[in-house]
Amino acid sequence: YNEQSLAIHGRNGTEIRRPDRVVQRPDGSLVVVDYKFAAPEDRHVRQVRGYAGALHVATGRPVTGYLWYPLRHIIEQVV
C-alpha cells in the first residue's frame, strides 16, 4: 500500500502519519518502508518504529521496518 494514513497515539495525543509504503508478505506479516533523500538522522529511525508499532497494535501482525536512502544506496532495517 502506498501512503496509507495511520493514527499514532502518543503522549501528545493522536497524530495522523503516512508511511511511504506498507507491504504485506505472503505469511501475513507487514513491512514498512520509508524513503529518505536527506542524510540519515535518528529521528528517521524513531519515525519508522512509530509506524511499525502502530501497525502492530492495529493489526496484531508482526511488522518489520526499513529506511531506504536511494540516493545514498543505503537500506537499513530499523525494526
C-alpha atoms as a PDB file:
ATOM      1  CA  TYR A   1       0.000   0.000   0.000  1.00  0.00           C
ATOM      2  CA  ASN A   2       1.318   3.458  -0.802  1.00  0.00           C
ATOM      3  CA  GLU A   3       0.952   6.283   1.715  1.00  0.00           C
ATOM      4  CA  GLN A   4      -1.923   4.915   3.791  1.00  0.00           C
ATOM      5  CA  SER A   5      -2.830   7.003   6.832  1.00  0.00           C
ATOM      6  CA  LEU A   6      -2.049   5.697  10.312  1.00  0.00           C
ATOM      7  CA  ALA A   7      -3.313   7.120  13.587  1.00  0.00           C
ATOM      8  CA  ILE A   8      -0.416   7.095  16.047  1.00  0.00           C
ATOM      9  CA  HIS A   9      -1.347   7.604  19.692  1.00  0.00           C
ATOM     10  CA  GLY A  10       1.331   9.116  21.903  1.00  0.00           C
ATOM     11  CA  ARG A  11       1.991  11.381  24.853  1.00  0.00           C
ATOM     12  CA  ASN A  12       0.973  14.432  22.831  1.00  0.00           C
ATOM     13  CA  GLY A  13      -2.306  12.993  21.579  1.00  0.00           C
ATOM     14  CA  THR A  14      -3.141  11.327  18.286  1.00  0.00           C
ATOM     15  CA  GLU A  15      -1.296  12.169  15.089  1.00  0.00           C
ATOM     16  CA  ILE A  16      -2.083  11.063  11.550  1.00  0.00           C
ATOM     17  CA  ARG A  17       1.023   9.856   9.700  1.00  0.00           C
ATOM     18  CA  ARG A  18       1.654   8.287   6.296  1.00  0.00           C
ATOM     19  CA  PRO A  19       4.480   5.809   5.747  1.00  0.00           C
ATOM     20  CA  ASP A  20       5.698   5.745   2.154  1.00  0.00           C
ATOM     21  CA  ARG A  21       4.971   2.053   1.641  1.00  0.00           C
ATOM     22  CA  VAL A  22       3.446  -0.850   3.547  1.00  0.00           C
ATOM     23  CA  VAL A  23       3.808  -4.326   2.038  1.00  0.00           C
ATOM     24  CA  GLN A  24       2.001  -7.456   3.170  1.00  0.00           C
ATOM     25  CA  ARG A  25       4.106 -10.595   2.876  1.00  0.00           C
ATOM     26  CA  PRO A  26       2.544 -13.953   1.913  1.00  0.00           C
ATOM     27  CA  ASP A  27       2.719 -15.043   5.583  1.00  0.00           C
ATOM     28  CA  GLY A  28       0.588 -12.027   6.605  1.00  0.00           C
ATOM     29  CA  SER A  29       3.398 -10.071   8.250  1.00  0.00           C
ATOM     30  CA  LEU A  30       3.867  -6.441   7.255  1.00  0.00           C
ATOM     31  CA  VAL A  31       6.871  -4.446   6.056  1.00  0.00           C
ATOM     32  CA  VAL A  32       7.061  -0.659   6.405  1.00  0.00           C
ATOM     33  CA  VAL A  33       9.442   1.188   4.069  1.00  0.00           C
ATOM     34  CA  ASP A  34      10.095   4.902   4.368  1.00  0.00           C
ATOM     35  CA  TYR A  35      12.167   6.679   1.710  1.00  0.00           C
ATOM     36  CA  LYS A  36      14.512   9.478   2.730  1.00  0.00           C
ATOM     37  CA  PHE A  37      16.523  11.759   0.487  1.00  0.00           C
ATOM     38  CA  ALA A  38      18.340  13.666   3.235  1.00  0.00           C
ATOM     39  CA  ALA A  39      21.247  12.439   5.350  1.00  0.00           C
ATOM     40  CA  PRO A  40      20.379   9.700   7.869  1.00  0.00           C
ATOM     41  CA  GLU A  41      19.090  11.007  11.199  1.00  0.00           C
ATOM     42  CA  ASP A  42      17.964   9.363  14.441  1.00  0.00           C
ATOM     43  CA  ARG A  43      14.501  10.849  14.022  1.00  0.00           C
ATOM     44  CA  HIS A  44      14.036   8.792  10.840  1.00  0.00           C
ATOM     45  CA  VAL A  45      14.514   5.616  12.882  1.00  0.00           C
ATOM     46  CA  ARG A  46      12.009   6.803  15.503  1.00  0.00           C
ATOM     47  CA  GLN A  47       9.528   7.624  12.751  1.00  0.00           C
ATOM     48  CA  VAL A  48       9.640   4.141  11.190  1.00  0.00           C
ATOM     49  CA  ARG A  49       9.496   2.481  14.608  1.00  0.00           C
ATOM     50  CA  GLY A  50       6.384   4.543  15.333  1.00  0.00           C
ATOM     51  CA  TYR A  51       4.778   3.382  12.099  1.00  0.00           C
ATOM     52  CA  ALA A  52       5.655  -0.243  12.830  1.00  0.00           C
ATOM     53  CA  GLY A  53       4.337  -0.056  16.379  1.00  0.00           C
ATOM     54  CA  ALA A  54       1.057   1.497  15.268  1.00  0.00           C
ATOM     55  CA  LEU A  55       0.586  -1.136  12.564  1.00  0.00           C
ATOM     56  CA  HIS A  56       1.318  -3.949  15.002  1.00  0.00           C
ATOM     57  CA  VAL A  57      -1.202  -2.600  17.520  1.00  0.00           C
ATOM     58  CA  ALA A  58      -3.833  -2.091  14.808  1.00  0.00           C
ATOM     59  CA  THR A  59      -3.399  -5.476  13.093  1.00  0.00           C
ATOM     60  CA  GLY A  60      -1.746  -7.805  15.618  1.00  0.00           C
ATOM     61  CA  ARG A  61       0.645  -8.856  12.853  1.00  0.00           C
ATOM     62  CA  PRO A  62       4.442  -8.927  13.014  1.00  0.00           C
ATOM     63  CA  VAL A  63       5.925  -5.792  11.431  1.00  0.00           C
ATOM     64  CA  THR A  64       9.439  -5.044  10.204  1.00  0.00           C
ATOM     65  CA  GLY A  65      10.556  -1.585   9.192  1.00  0.00           C
ATOM     66  CA  TYR A  66      13.175  -0.243   6.815  1.00  0.00           C
ATOM     67  CA  LEU A  67      14.656   3.110   5.923  1.00  0.00           C
ATOM     68  CA  TRP A  68      15.707   3.467   2.317  1.00  0.00           C
ATOM     69  CA  TYR A  69      18.075   6.242   1.291  1.00  0.00           C
ATOM     70  CA  PRO A  70      18.064   5.702  -2.512  1.00  0.00           C
ATOM     71  CA  LEU A  71      20.499   8.500  -3.356  1.00  0.00           C
ATOM     72  CA  ARG A  72      22.994   7.087  -0.852  1.00  0.00           C
ATOM     73  CA  HIS A  73      22.371   3.421  -1.768  1.00  0.00           C
ATOM     74  CA  ILE A  74      21.515   2.595   1.864  1.00  0.00           C
ATOM     75  CA  ILE A  75      18.765   0.280   3.088  1.00  0.00           C
ATOM     76  CA  GLU A  76      18.629  -0.073   6.865  1.00  0.00           C
ATOM     77  CA  GLN A  77      16.374  -2.374   8.871  1.00  0.00           C
ATOM     78  CA  VAL A  78      15.290  -0.495  11.989  1.00  0.00           C
ATOM     79  CA  VAL A  79      12.547  -2.780  13.338  1.00  0.00           C
END
